[in-house]
C-alpha atoms as a PDB file:
ATOM      1  CA  MET A   1     275.798 271.654 295.711  1.00  0.00           C
ATOM      2  CA  ASP A   2     278.009 272.661 298.281  1.00  0.00           C
ATOM      3  CA  TYR A   3     276.963 273.442 301.993  1.00  0.00           C
ATOM      4  CA  ARG A   4     278.901 275.597 304.496  1.00  0.00           C
ATOM      5  CA  LEU A   5     278.714 276.297 308.235  1.00  0.00           C
ATOM      6  CA  LEU A   6     276.917 279.432 309.032  1.00  0.00           C
ATOM      7  CA  GLY A   7     279.680 281.466 311.181  1.00  0.00           C
ATOM      8  CA  ARG A   8     280.236 279.790 314.236  1.00  0.00           C
ATOM      9  CA  SER A   9     276.957 277.789 314.512  1.00  0.00           C
ATOM     10  CA  GLY A  10     276.830 274.138 313.007  1.00  0.00           C
ATOM     11  CA  LEU A  11     273.981 274.721 310.758  1.00  0.00           C
ATOM     12  CA  LYS A  12     275.260 274.027 307.039  1.00  0.00           C
ATOM     13  CA  VAL A  13     273.443 275.993 304.530  1.00  0.00           C
ATOM     14  CA  SER A  14     273.738 275.805 300.742  1.00  0.00           C
ATOM     15  CA  THR A  15     275.872 277.926 298.938  1.00  0.00           C
ATOM     16  CA  LEU A  16     272.810 279.272 297.275  1.00  0.00           C
ATOM     17  CA  THR A  17     269.977 280.510 298.898  1.00  0.00           C
ATOM     18  CA  ILE A  18     266.194 280.855 297.713  1.00  0.00           C
ATOM     19  CA  GLY A  19     265.008 284.614 297.566  1.00  0.00           C
ATOM     20  CA  THR A  20     261.542 285.480 298.012  1.00  0.00           C
ATOM     21  CA  MET A  21     260.982 289.285 297.500  1.00  0.00           C
ATOM     22  CA  THR A  22     259.240 288.257 294.106  1.00  0.00           C
ATOM     23  CA  PHE A  23     256.287 286.171 295.694  1.00  0.00           C
ATOM     24  CA  GLY A  24     253.288 288.031 296.718  1.00  0.00           C
ATOM     25  CA  GLY A  25     253.312 291.034 294.725  1.00  0.00           C
ATOM     26  CA  LYS A  26     251.806 293.403 297.318  1.00  0.00           C
ATOM     27  CA  GLY A  27     252.350 297.028 298.221  1.00  0.00           C
ATOM     28  CA  TRP A  28     255.866 298.210 297.153  1.00  0.00           C
ATOM     29  CA  ALA A  29     256.897 294.687 296.002  1.00  0.00           C
ATOM     30  CA  ARG A  30     254.761 294.781 293.061  1.00  0.00           C
ATOM     31  CA  THR A  31     257.851 296.568 291.029  1.00  0.00           C
ATOM     32  CA  VAL A  32     260.037 293.177 292.021  1.00  0.00           C
ATOM     33  CA  GLY A  33     257.341 290.436 290.832  1.00  0.00           C
ATOM     34  CA  ASP A  34     253.797 289.188 291.782  1.00  0.00           C
ATOM     35  CA  LEU A  35     254.324 285.169 291.755  1.00  0.00           C
ATOM     36  CA  GLY A  36     251.603 283.749 293.235  1.00  0.00           C
ATOM     37  CA  VAL A  37     251.489 280.203 295.167  1.00  0.00           C
ATOM     38  CA  ASN A  38     251.815 277.799 291.969  1.00  0.00           C
ATOM     39  CA  GLU A  39     254.477 280.050 290.430  1.00  0.00           C
ATOM     40  CA  ALA A  40     256.494 280.156 293.298  1.00  0.00           C
ATOM     41  CA  ARG A  41     256.179 276.232 293.982  1.00  0.00           C
ATOM     42  CA  ARG A  42     257.561 275.409 290.627  1.00  0.00           C
ATOM     43  CA  LEU A  43     260.710 277.779 291.299  1.00  0.00           C
ATOM     44  CA  VAL A  44     260.873 276.275 294.910  1.00  0.00           C
ATOM     45  CA  ASP A  45     261.091 272.857 293.725  1.00  0.00           C
ATOM     46  CA  LEU A  46     263.298 273.439 291.112  1.00  0.00           C
ATOM     47  CA  CYS A  47     266.113 274.931 293.763  1.00  0.00           C
ATOM     48  CA  LEU A  48     265.384 272.115 296.265  1.00  0.00           C
ATOM     49  CA  ASP A  49     265.739 269.571 293.702  1.00  0.00           C
ATOM     50  CA  ALA A  50     269.200 271.232 293.108  1.00  0.00           C
ATOM     51  CA  GLY A  51     270.244 270.979 296.597  1.00  0.00           C
ATOM     52  CA  VAL A  52     269.488 274.448 297.879  1.00  0.00           C
ATOM     53  CA  ASN A  53     268.652 274.129 301.491  1.00  0.00           C
ATOM     54  CA  LEU A  54     267.810 277.688 302.608  1.00  0.00           C
ATOM     55  CA  ILE A  55     264.493 279.981 301.909  1.00  0.00           C
ATOM     56  CA  ASP A  56     264.955 283.500 302.773  1.00  0.00           C
ATOM     57  CA  THR A  57     262.190 285.743 302.958  1.00  0.00           C
ATOM     58  CA  ALA A  58     260.859 288.734 305.293  1.00  0.00           C
ATOM     59  CA  ASP A  59     257.596 289.727 306.864  1.00  0.00           C
ATOM     60  CA  VAL A  60     257.841 292.937 305.291  1.00  0.00           C
ATOM     61  CA  TYR A  61     257.852 291.362 301.507  1.00  0.00           C
ATOM     62  CA  SER A  62     254.500 292.016 300.155  1.00  0.00           C
ATOM     63  CA  GLN A  63     253.189 292.860 304.000  1.00  0.00           C
ATOM     64  CA  GLY A  64     253.635 289.118 304.898  1.00  0.00           C
ATOM     65  CA  VAL A  65     252.266 287.497 301.445  1.00  0.00           C
ATOM     66  CA  SER A  66     255.676 286.038 300.559  1.00  0.00           C
ATOM     67  CA  GLU A  67     255.698 284.497 304.112  1.00  0.00           C
ATOM     68  CA  GLU A  68     252.403 282.835 303.400  1.00  0.00           C
ATOM     69  CA  ILE A  69     253.252 281.634 300.204  1.00  0.00           C
ATOM     70  CA  ILE A  70     256.466 279.998 301.579  1.00  0.00           C
ATOM     71  CA  GLY A  71     254.164 278.539 304.421  1.00  0.00           C
ATOM     72  CA  GLU A  72     251.782 276.901 301.706  1.00  0.00           C
ATOM     73  CA  ILE A  73     254.637 275.651 299.584  1.00  0.00           C
ATOM     74  CA  THR A  74     256.823 274.156 302.710  1.00  0.00           C
ATOM     75  CA  GLY A  75     254.303 272.258 304.809  1.00  0.00           C
ATOM     76  CA  GLY A  76     255.182 269.213 305.875  1.00  0.00           C
ATOM     77  CA  ARG A  77     258.909 269.549 303.824  1.00  0.00           C
ATOM     78  CA  ARG A  78     260.301 271.232 307.041  1.00  0.00           C
ATOM     79  CA  LYS A  79     260.903 267.434 308.050  1.00  0.00           C
ATOM     80  CA  ASN A  80     263.166 266.831 305.329  1.00  0.00           C
ATOM     81  CA  GLY A  81     265.485 269.564 305.933  1.00  0.00           C
ATOM     82  CA  VAL A  82     264.425 272.762 304.360  1.00  0.00           C
ATOM     83  CA  LEU A  83     265.654 275.934 306.430  1.00  0.00           C
ATOM     84  CA  ILE A  84     263.678 279.125 306.575  1.00  0.00           C
ATOM     85  CA  ALA A  85     264.992 282.506 307.362  1.00  0.00           C
ATOM     86  CA  THR A  86     262.814 285.781 307.725  1.00  0.00           C
ATOM     87  CA  LYS A  87     263.263 289.154 308.885  1.00  0.00           C
ATOM     88  CA  ALA A  88     261.695 291.757 311.332  1.00  0.00           C
ATOM     89  CA  ARG A  89     262.021 295.314 312.253  1.00  0.00           C
ATOM     90  CA  PHE A  90     260.105 297.403 309.097  1.00  0.00           C
ATOM     91  CA  PRO A  91     256.483 298.445 309.840  1.00  0.00           C
ATOM     92  CA  MET A  92     253.888 295.927 309.558  1.00  0.00           C
ATOM     93  CA  GLY A  93     250.804 298.235 310.466  1.00  0.00           C
ATOM     94  CA  ASP A  94     250.265 302.030 310.892  1.00  0.00           C
ATOM     95  CA  GLY A  95     250.391 302.167 314.750  1.00  0.00           C
ATOM     96  CA  PRO A  96     253.257 303.153 316.806  1.00  0.00           C
ATOM     97  CA  ASN A  97     254.731 300.167 317.955  1.00  0.00           C
ATOM     98  CA  ASP A  98     254.167 297.830 314.564  1.00  0.00           C
ATOM     99  CA  ALA A  99     257.592 298.602 313.633  1.00  0.00           C
ATOM    100  CA  GLY A 100     261.341 298.781 315.579  1.00  0.00           C
ATOM    101  CA  SER A 101     263.658 296.109 317.270  1.00  0.00           C
ATOM    102  CA  SER A 102     261.491 296.648 320.637  1.00  0.00           C
ATOM    103  CA  ARG A 103     260.500 293.205 322.600  1.00  0.00           C
ATOM    104  CA  HIS A 104     256.931 294.352 321.853  1.00  0.00           C
ATOM    105  CA  HIS A 105     257.379 294.308 318.444  1.00  0.00           C
ATOM    106  CA  LEU A 106     259.715 291.483 317.737  1.00  0.00           C
ATOM    107  CA  ILE A 107     257.898 289.119 320.047  1.00  0.00           C
ATOM    108  CA  ARG A 108     254.678 289.893 318.076  1.00  0.00           C
ATOM    109  CA  ALA A 109     256.288 289.793 314.683  1.00  0.00           C
ATOM    110  CA  CYS A 110     258.109 286.581 315.288  1.00  0.00           C
ATOM    111  CA  GLU A 111     254.563 284.886 316.028  1.00  0.00           C
ATOM    112  CA  ALA A 112     252.940 286.631 313.024  1.00  0.00           C
ATOM    113  CA  SER A 113     255.449 285.063 310.775  1.00  0.00           C
ATOM    114  CA  LEU A 114     255.591 281.679 312.543  1.00  0.00           C
ATOM    115  CA  LYS A 115     251.702 281.555 312.033  1.00  0.00           C
ATOM    116  CA  ARG A 116     252.188 282.495 308.368  1.00  0.00           C
ATOM    117  CA  LEU A 117     254.664 280.340 307.651  1.00  0.00           C
ATOM    118  CA  LYS A 118     252.843 277.357 309.405  1.00  0.00           C
ATOM    119  CA  THR A 119     255.867 276.317 311.234  1.00  0.00           C
ATOM    120  CA  ASP A 120     256.798 276.055 314.627  1.00  0.00           C
ATOM    121  CA  VAL A 121     260.165 277.485 314.688  1.00  0.00           C
ATOM    122  CA  ILE A 122     261.987 279.823 312.327  1.00  0.00           C
ATOM    123  CA  ASP A 123     265.971 278.309 311.646  1.00  0.00           C
ATOM    124  CA  LEU A 124     267.555 281.800 310.982  1.00  0.00           C
ATOM    125  CA  TYR A 125     265.738 285.285 312.602  1.00  0.00           C
ATOM    126  CA  GLN A 126     267.235 288.433 311.502  1.00  0.00           C
ATOM    127  CA  LEU A 127     267.067 292.063 312.369  1.00  0.00           C
ATOM    128  CA  HIS A 128     266.198 293.598 309.243  1.00  0.00           C
ATOM    129  CA  GLU A 129     268.162 297.006 309.782  1.00  0.00           C
ATOM    130  CA  TRP A 130     269.397 298.748 312.866  1.00  0.00           C
ATOM    131  CA  ASP A 131     266.808 300.713 315.198  1.00  0.00           C
ATOM    132  CA  GLY A 132     268.454 303.536 316.682  1.00  0.00           C
ATOM    133  CA  GLN A 133     265.658 304.263 319.073  1.00  0.00           C
ATOM    134  CA  THR A 134     265.545 300.746 321.181  1.00  0.00           C
ATOM    135  CA  PRO A 135     268.163 299.789 323.303  1.00  0.00           C
ATOM    136  CA  LEU A 136     270.090 296.922 322.307  1.00  0.00           C
ATOM    137  CA  GLU A 137     270.182 295.320 325.601  1.00  0.00           C
ATOM    138  CA  GLU A 138     266.324 295.002 324.969  1.00  0.00           C
ATOM    139  CA  THR A 139     266.399 293.862 321.443  1.00  0.00           C
ATOM    140  CA  MET A 140     269.126 290.967 322.268  1.00  0.00           C
ATOM    141  CA  GLU A 141     267.046 289.975 325.504  1.00  0.00           C
ATOM    142  CA  ALA A 142     263.868 290.060 323.372  1.00  0.00           C
ATOM    143  CA  LEU A 143     265.762 287.428 320.784  1.00  0.00           C
ATOM    144  CA  ASP A 144     267.185 285.547 323.344  1.00  0.00           C
ATOM    145  CA  MET A 145     263.623 284.786 324.691  1.00  0.00           C
ATOM    146  CA  LEU A 146     262.683 283.825 321.411  1.00  0.00           C
ATOM    147  CA  VAL A 147     265.559 281.107 321.504  1.00  0.00           C
ATOM    148  CA  ARG A 148     264.862 280.116 324.779  1.00  0.00           C
ATOM    149  CA  GLN A 149     261.155 279.642 323.881  1.00  0.00           C
ATOM    150  CA  GLY A 150     262.248 277.259 320.932  1.00  0.00           C
ATOM    151  CA  LYS A 151     260.552 279.746 318.384  1.00  0.00           C
ATOM    152  CA  VAL A 152     263.760 280.867 317.032  1.00  0.00           C
ATOM    153  CA  ARG A 153     266.872 278.446 316.282  1.00  0.00           C
ATOM    154  CA  TYR A 154     269.451 281.271 315.380  1.00  0.00           C
ATOM    155  CA  ILE A 155     269.886 284.998 315.147  1.00  0.00           C
ATOM    156  CA  GLY A 156     271.423 287.269 312.497  1.00  0.00           C
ATOM    157  CA  CYS A 157     271.140 290.656 311.213  1.00  0.00           C
ATOM    158  CA  SER A 158     270.966 292.296 307.907  1.00  0.00           C
ATOM    159  CA  ASN A 159     272.084 295.732 306.645  1.00  0.00           C
ATOM    160  CA  PHE A 160     274.022 296.520 309.813  1.00  0.00           C
ATOM    161  CA  SER A 161     277.270 298.776 309.700  1.00  0.00           C
ATOM    162  CA  GLY A 162     280.399 297.671 311.267  1.00  0.00           C
ATOM    163  CA  TRP A 163     280.006 299.431 314.610  1.00  0.00           C
ATOM    164  CA  HIS A 164     275.947 297.934 314.731  1.00  0.00           C
ATOM    165  CA  ILE A 165     277.465 294.453 314.700  1.00  0.00           C
ATOM    166  CA  MET A 166     280.346 294.925 317.254  1.00  0.00           C
ATOM    167  CA  LYS A 167     277.765 296.482 319.880  1.00  0.00           C
ATOM    168  CA  ALA A 168     275.185 293.965 319.308  1.00  0.00           C
ATOM    169  CA  LEU A 169     277.747 291.237 319.777  1.00  0.00           C
ATOM    170  CA  GLY A 170     279.402 293.133 322.722  1.00  0.00           C
ATOM    171  CA  VAL A 171     275.966 293.405 324.508  1.00  0.00           C
ATOM    172  CA  SER A 172     275.367 289.378 323.737  1.00  0.00           C
ATOM    173  CA  ALA A 173     278.719 288.708 325.265  1.00  0.00           C
ATOM    174  CA  ALA A 174     278.422 290.970 328.094  1.00  0.00           C
ATOM    175  CA  ASP A 175     274.839 289.404 328.906  1.00  0.00           C
ATOM    176  CA  ARG A 176     275.492 286.098 328.241  1.00  0.00           C
ATOM    177  CA  ARG A 177     272.924 285.895 325.566  1.00  0.00           C
ATOM    178  CA  PRO A 178     272.754 284.028 321.945  1.00  0.00           C
ATOM    179  CA  ARG A 179     274.904 285.958 319.403  1.00  0.00           C
ATOM    180  CA  PHE A 180     274.560 286.779 315.772  1.00  0.00           C
ATOM    181  CA  VAL A 181     275.727 283.756 313.389  1.00  0.00           C
ATOM    182  CA  SER A 182     275.502 285.869 310.382  1.00  0.00           C
ATOM    183  CA  GLN A 183     274.736 289.131 308.620  1.00  0.00           C
ATOM    184  CA  GLN A 184     273.237 289.817 305.221  1.00  0.00           C
ATOM    185  CA  ILE A 185     274.544 292.148 302.984  1.00  0.00           C
ATOM    186  CA  HIS A 186     274.838 293.733 299.586  1.00  0.00           C
ATOM    187  CA  TYR A 187     277.612 292.899 297.917  1.00  0.00           C
ATOM    188  CA  THR A 188     278.391 292.669 294.310  1.00  0.00           C
ATOM    189  CA  LEU A 189     281.194 293.041 291.904  1.00  0.00           C
ATOM    190  CA  GLU A 190     280.011 296.618 291.166  1.00  0.00           C
ATOM    191  CA  SER A 191     279.883 297.176 294.809  1.00  0.00           C
ATOM    192  CA  ARG A 192     282.393 295.731 296.871  1.00  0.00           C
ATOM    193  CA  ASP A 193     282.357 298.277 300.076  1.00  0.00           C
ATOM    194  CA  ALA A 194     281.603 295.487 302.148  1.00  0.00           C
ATOM    195  CA  GLU A 195     285.086 294.813 302.024  1.00  0.00           C
ATOM    196  CA  TYR A 196     286.232 297.668 304.221  1.00  0.00           C
ATOM    197  CA  GLU A 197     284.819 296.769 307.361  1.00  0.00           C
ATOM    198  CA  LEU A 198     281.627 294.053 306.777  1.00  0.00           C
ATOM    199  CA  LEU A 199     283.526 291.311 305.727  1.00  0.00           C
ATOM    200  CA  PRO A 200     286.687 291.973 307.957  1.00  0.00           C
ATOM    201  CA  VAL A 201     284.122 291.789 310.906  1.00  0.00           C
ATOM    202  CA  SER A 202     282.836 288.659 309.713  1.00  0.00           C
ATOM    203  CA  ILE A 203     285.958 286.844 309.640  1.00  0.00           C
ATOM    204  CA  ASP A 204     287.210 288.445 312.671  1.00  0.00           C
ATOM    205  CA  GLN A 205     284.071 287.612 314.569  1.00  0.00           C
ATOM    206  CA  GLY A 206     283.294 284.170 313.021  1.00  0.00           C
ATOM    207  CA  LEU A 207     279.953 285.407 311.050  1.00  0.00           C
ATOM    208  CA  GLY A 208     278.309 283.736 308.313  1.00  0.00           C
ATOM    209  CA  VAL A 209     277.901 286.474 305.218  1.00  0.00           C
ATOM    210  CA  LEU A 210     274.673 285.977 303.016  1.00  0.00           C
ATOM    211  CA  VAL A 211     274.487 288.143 300.105  1.00  0.00           C
ATOM    212  CA  TRP A 212     271.037 289.874 298.872  1.00  0.00           C
ATOM    213  CA  SER A 213     270.877 291.409 295.201  1.00  0.00           C
ATOM    214  CA  PRO A 214     274.105 289.664 293.976  1.00  0.00           C
ATOM    215  CA  LEU A 215     273.427 290.505 290.565  1.00  0.00           C
ATOM    216  CA  ALA A 216     272.565 294.406 291.654  1.00  0.00           C
ATOM    217  CA  GLY A 217     269.313 294.088 290.048  1.00  0.00           C
ATOM    218  CA  GLY A 218     270.082 292.555 286.920  1.00  0.00           C
ATOM    219  CA  LEU A 219     272.802 295.176 285.918  1.00  0.00           C
ATOM    220  CA  LEU A 220     275.372 292.349 285.971  1.00  0.00           C
ATOM    221  CA  SER A 221     273.417 289.813 284.261  1.00  0.00           C
ATOM    222  CA  GLY A 222     275.292 290.742 280.765  1.00  0.00           C
ATOM    223  CA  LYS A 223     271.584 291.852 279.404  1.00  0.00           C
ATOM    224  CA  HIS A 224     272.206 295.971 280.206  1.00  0.00           C
ATOM    225  CA  ARG A 225     275.465 296.656 278.095  1.00  0.00           C
ATOM    226  CA  ARG A 226     277.458 299.760 277.567  1.00  0.00           C
ATOM    227  CA  ASN A 227     276.064 302.317 274.779  1.00  0.00           C
ATOM    228  CA  ARG A 228     272.831 300.605 274.578  1.00  0.00           C
ATOM    229  CA  THR A 229     270.082 302.933 275.029  1.00  0.00           C
ATOM    230  CA  ALA A 230     267.254 300.693 275.061  1.00  0.00           C
ATOM    231  CA  GLU A 231     268.758 298.528 277.544  1.00  0.00           C
ATOM    232  CA  GLY A 232     272.025 300.594 278.979  1.00  0.00           C
ATOM    233  CA  SER A 233     270.528 303.171 281.142  1.00  0.00           C
ATOM    234  CA  ARG A 234     270.555 301.931 285.102  1.00  0.00           C
ATOM    235  CA  GLN A 235     267.195 304.031 285.363  1.00  0.00           C
ATOM    236  CA  LEU A 236     265.758 301.323 283.237  1.00  0.00           C
ATOM    237  CA  ALA A 237     267.447 298.594 284.965  1.00  0.00           C
ATOM    238  CA  GLY A 238     265.708 300.313 288.273  1.00  0.00           C
ATOM    239  CA  TRP A 239     268.640 300.005 290.307  1.00  0.00           C
ATOM    240  CA  ASP A 240     269.485 302.653 293.226  1.00  0.00           C
ATOM    241  CA  GLU A 241     270.608 300.276 296.188  1.00  0.00           C
ATOM    242  CA  PRO A 242     273.203 301.680 295.981  1.00  0.00           C
ATOM    243  CA  PRO A 243     273.209 304.310 293.305  1.00  0.00           C
ATOM    244  CA  ILE A 244     275.939 303.749 290.410  1.00  0.00           C
ATOM    245  CA  ARG A 245     278.588 306.290 291.389  1.00  0.00           C
ATOM    246  CA  ASP A 246     280.816 305.525 288.149  1.00  0.00           C
ATOM    247  CA  GLU A 247     278.933 304.203 284.945  1.00  0.00           C
ATOM    248  CA  ASP A 248     282.066 303.627 283.465  1.00  0.00           C
ATOM    249  CA  ARG A 249     283.237 301.250 285.723  1.00  0.00           C
ATOM    250  CA  LEU A 250     279.716 299.646 285.532  1.00  0.00           C
ATOM    251  CA  TRP A 251     280.488 298.921 281.889  1.00  0.00           C
ATOM    252  CA  ALA A 252     284.040 297.780 282.131  1.00  0.00           C
ATOM    253  CA  ILE A 253     282.856 295.157 284.750  1.00  0.00           C
ATOM    254  CA  VAL A 254     279.967 294.002 282.734  1.00  0.00           C
ATOM    255  CA  ASP A 255     282.284 293.891 279.505  1.00  0.00           C
ATOM    256  CA  THR A 256     284.723 291.557 281.443  1.00  0.00           C
ATOM    257  CA  LEU A 257     281.948 289.175 282.945  1.00  0.00           C
ATOM    258  CA  VAL A 258     280.686 288.793 279.446  1.00  0.00           C
ATOM    259  CA  ASP A 259     283.944 288.243 277.789  1.00  0.00           C
ATOM    260  CA  ILE A 260     284.562 285.724 280.260  1.00  0.00           C
ATOM    261  CA  ALA A 261     281.034 284.147 279.893  1.00  0.00           C
ATOM    262  CA  GLU A 262     281.724 283.846 276.450  1.00  0.00           C
ATOM    263  CA  ASN A 263     284.895 281.989 276.662  1.00  0.00           C
ATOM    264  CA  ARG A 264     283.033 279.521 278.846  1.00  0.00           C
ATOM    265  CA  SER A 265     279.967 279.102 277.343  1.00  0.00           C
ATOM    266  CA  VAL A 266     277.937 280.365 280.026  1.00  0.00           C
ATOM    267  CA  SER A 267     276.017 283.016 281.117  1.00  0.00           C
ATOM    268  CA  ALA A 268     277.365 286.471 282.463  1.00  0.00           C
ATOM    269  CA  ALA A 269     275.190 286.281 285.562  1.00  0.00           C
ATOM    270  CA  GLN A 270     276.493 282.596 286.278  1.00  0.00           C
ATOM    271  CA  ILE A 271     280.293 284.444 286.015  1.00  0.00           C
ATOM    272  CA  ALA A 272     279.355 287.106 288.639  1.00  0.00           C
ATOM    273  CA  LEU A 273     277.636 284.653 290.785  1.00  0.00           C
ATOM    274  CA  ALA A 274     280.701 282.196 290.995  1.00  0.00           C
ATOM    275  CA  TRP A 275     283.049 285.248 291.822  1.00  0.00           C
ATOM    276  CA  LEU A 276     280.895 285.737 294.936  1.00  0.00           C
ATOM    277  CA  ILE A 277     280.622 282.164 295.901  1.00  0.00           C
ATOM    278  CA  GLY A 278     284.301 282.188 296.060  1.00  0.00           C
ATOM    279  CA  ARG A 279     284.892 285.054 298.086  1.00  0.00           C
ATOM    280  CA  LYS A 280     286.467 284.627 301.112  1.00  0.00           C
ATOM    281  CA  ALA A 281     283.737 284.769 304.090  1.00  0.00           C
ATOM    282  CA  ILE A 282     280.606 284.329 301.898  1.00  0.00           C
ATOM    283  CA  THR A 283     278.404 281.185 303.281  1.00  0.00           C
ATOM    284  CA  SER A 284     275.401 281.788 300.613  1.00  0.00           C
ATOM    285  CA  VAL A 285     274.369 284.051 298.099  1.00  0.00           C
ATOM    286  CA  ILE A 286     270.586 284.789 297.766  1.00  0.00           C
ATOM    287  CA  ILE A 287     269.203 284.440 294.214  1.00  0.00           C
ATOM    288  CA  GLY A 288     265.798 285.230 293.161  1.00  0.00           C
ATOM    289  CA  GLY A 289     264.011 286.148 290.164  1.00  0.00           C
ATOM    290  CA  ARG A 290     260.604 286.029 288.056  1.00  0.00           C
ATOM    291  CA  THR A 291     261.018 282.652 285.690  1.00  0.00           C
ATOM    292  CA  GLU A 292     262.165 279.371 285.984  1.00  0.00           C
ATOM    293  CA  ALA A 293     264.643 280.152 283.288  1.00  0.00           C
ATOM    294  CA  GLN A 294     266.421 283.020 285.773  1.00  0.00           C
ATOM    295  CA  PHE A 295     266.847 280.536 288.395  1.00  0.00           C
ATOM    296  CA  LYS A 296     267.893 277.470 286.318  1.00  0.00           C
ATOM    297  CA  ASP A 297     270.839 280.040 284.922  1.00  0.00           C
ATOM    298  CA  ASN A 298     271.451 281.162 288.511  1.00  0.00           C
ATOM    299  CA  LEU A 299     271.867 277.537 289.999  1.00  0.00           C
ATOM    300  CA  ALA A 300     274.323 276.650 287.343  1.00  0.00           C
ATOM    301  CA  ALA A 301     276.389 279.001 289.281  1.00  0.00           C
ATOM    302  CA  ALA A 302     276.838 276.615 292.156  1.00  0.00           C
ATOM    303  CA  ASP A 303     278.966 274.028 289.960  1.00  0.00           C
ATOM    304  CA  LEU A 304     281.265 276.828 288.106  1.00  0.00           C
ATOM    305  CA  THR A 305     284.667 277.388 289.606  1.00  0.00           C
ATOM    306  CA  LEU A 306     286.672 280.266 287.995  1.00  0.00           C
ATOM    307  CA  SER A 307     290.245 280.005 287.333  1.00  0.00           C
ATOM    308  CA  ASP A 308     293.280 282.349 288.921  1.00  0.00           C
ATOM    309  CA  GLU A 309     293.180 284.399 285.838  1.00  0.00           C
ATOM    310  CA  GLU A 310     289.607 285.088 285.441  1.00  0.00           C
ATOM    311  CA  ARG A 311     289.423 286.140 289.208  1.00  0.00           C
ATOM    312  CA  GLN A 312     292.339 288.519 288.600  1.00  0.00           C
ATOM    313  CA  ARG A 313     290.847 290.344 285.763  1.00  0.00           C
ATOM    314  CA  LEU A 314     287.467 290.647 287.869  1.00  0.00           C
ATOM    315  CA  ASP A 315     289.281 291.426 290.652  1.00  0.00           C
ATOM    316  CA  LYS A 316     291.133 294.411 288.777  1.00  0.00           C
ATOM    317  CA  VAL A 317     288.289 295.794 287.103  1.00  0.00           C
ATOM    318  CA  SER A 318     285.984 296.061 289.934  1.00  0.00           C
ATOM    319  CA  ALA A 319     288.988 297.329 292.421  1.00  0.00           C
ATOM    320  CA  PRO A 320     286.930 299.519 294.785  1.00  0.00           C
ATOM    321  CA  PRO A 321     288.355 302.839 295.769  1.00  0.00           C
ATOM    322  CA  VAL A 322     291.385 303.149 298.254  1.00  0.00           C
ATOM    323  CA  LEU A 323     290.446 304.998 301.515  1.00  0.00           C
ATOM    324  CA  TYR A 324     292.589 307.302 302.284  1.00  0.00           C
ATOM    325  CA  PRO A 325     294.149 307.493 305.128  1.00  0.00           C
ATOM    326  CA  TYR A 326     292.911 304.268 306.461  1.00  0.00           C
ATOM    327  CA  TRP A 327     293.930 302.218 303.629  1.00  0.00           C
ATOM    328  CA  HIS A 328     297.149 303.929 303.046  1.00  0.00           C
ATOM    329  CA  GLN A 329     298.213 303.288 306.613  1.00  0.00           C
ATOM    330  CA  LEU A 330     297.434 299.523 306.117  1.00  0.00           C
ATOM    331  CA  ARG A 331     299.474 299.237 302.798  1.00  0.00           C
ATOM    332  CA  THR A 332     302.338 300.668 304.232  1.00  0.00           C
ATOM    333  CA  ALA A 333     302.091 298.451 307.222  1.00  0.00           C
ATOM    334  CA  LYS A 334     301.907 295.818 304.880  1.00  0.00           C
ATOM    335  CA  ASP A 335     304.888 296.385 303.210  1.00  0.00           C
ATOM    336  CA  ARG A 336     306.842 296.441 306.765  1.00  0.00           C
ATOM    337  CA  LEU A 337     305.260 293.270 307.674  1.00  0.00           C
ATOM    338  CA  GLY A 338     306.602 289.868 307.050  1.00  0.00           C
ATOM    339  CA  GLU A 339     304.142 287.208 305.571  1.00  0.00           C
ATOM    340  CA  ALA A 340     303.352 285.793 308.640  1.00  0.00           C
ATOM    341  CA  ASP A 341     301.998 289.036 310.107  1.00  0.00           C
ATOM    342  CA  LEU A 342     299.660 289.869 307.124  1.00  0.00           C
ATOM    343  CA  SER A 343     296.696 288.451 308.840  1.00  0.00           C
ATOM    344  CA  LEU A 344     297.107 291.045 311.386  1.00  0.00           C
ATOM    345  CA  LEU A 345     295.627 293.555 308.560  1.00  0.00           C
ATOM    346  CA  GLY A 346     292.527 291.815 307.261  1.00  0.00           C
ATOM    347  CA  PRO A 347     291.748 289.603 304.362  1.00  0.00           C
ATOM    348  CA  TYR A 348     291.859 292.712 301.556  1.00  0.00           C
ATOM    349  CA  ILE A 349     295.050 294.147 301.460  1.00  0.00           C
END
């Protein structure tokens, strides 16, 4: 297992992170998984033994039950270097102030998460989504307060747009408050939209990148294939985040993954994860599941290195649409610049 610095911080995290949305099985999370403490403990032990040092959760996962399970599992292990990341922003009650990124909600949400996690400090506290109603100055001041109180060590965001991130970083700089060290995003071979702005922003601003649902809800695992009625529909896979807009492209990607995997005698899922781990700007890929077999298979991707030819095949079959005129202008500029100046245009052109 390799370890990478999380953005501009000095915190080192494993290239794979434990995802815990399947822990608890309460509310909407029941459709994802309903693992209890004993089942979750076996999976966490498996990952920790493999060298994973970061567990990612959120207060909204099973309405706090996921955090409670993690609290039961980790206990004294926090002294052994186990890191915990959680998130807040979504509703945790029916009251008018039980959601959002206000000072009122964030401080209460953090204190509630600390209690459920049975810990004194959260290593990475993330805003789960943009809140367009609360002034950013208030939000960043609340996060600053939590850091100064020793309840939070680092802060990050999840599911922000590029301009959301830059605005938040600008407020932090202007008020001399802690800045985000990371962002958590959706990024897969099927959905490479993050390459337009989110990854270039991360590189430019020194943000670590955590990737959620790296197998697109299982669509890139190799289990779902083209022209297989029983397994081939995205409706059966239940994936609509984001929706699949080009099924032919999806199945072409899956066909390539399976072909490379068969030649390497590994799973298609491992190939998809290895592709992500090797991408520029990616810090850690969040793996989840319901069974020990799924986790064991995913963990093996940490030691898998793709060849240049394999990467080129995957890059080509999954190439995102060219945006016009923005990308066209950049590609034209690329033709006019020397190699020394290409870094000015970003990493993906």
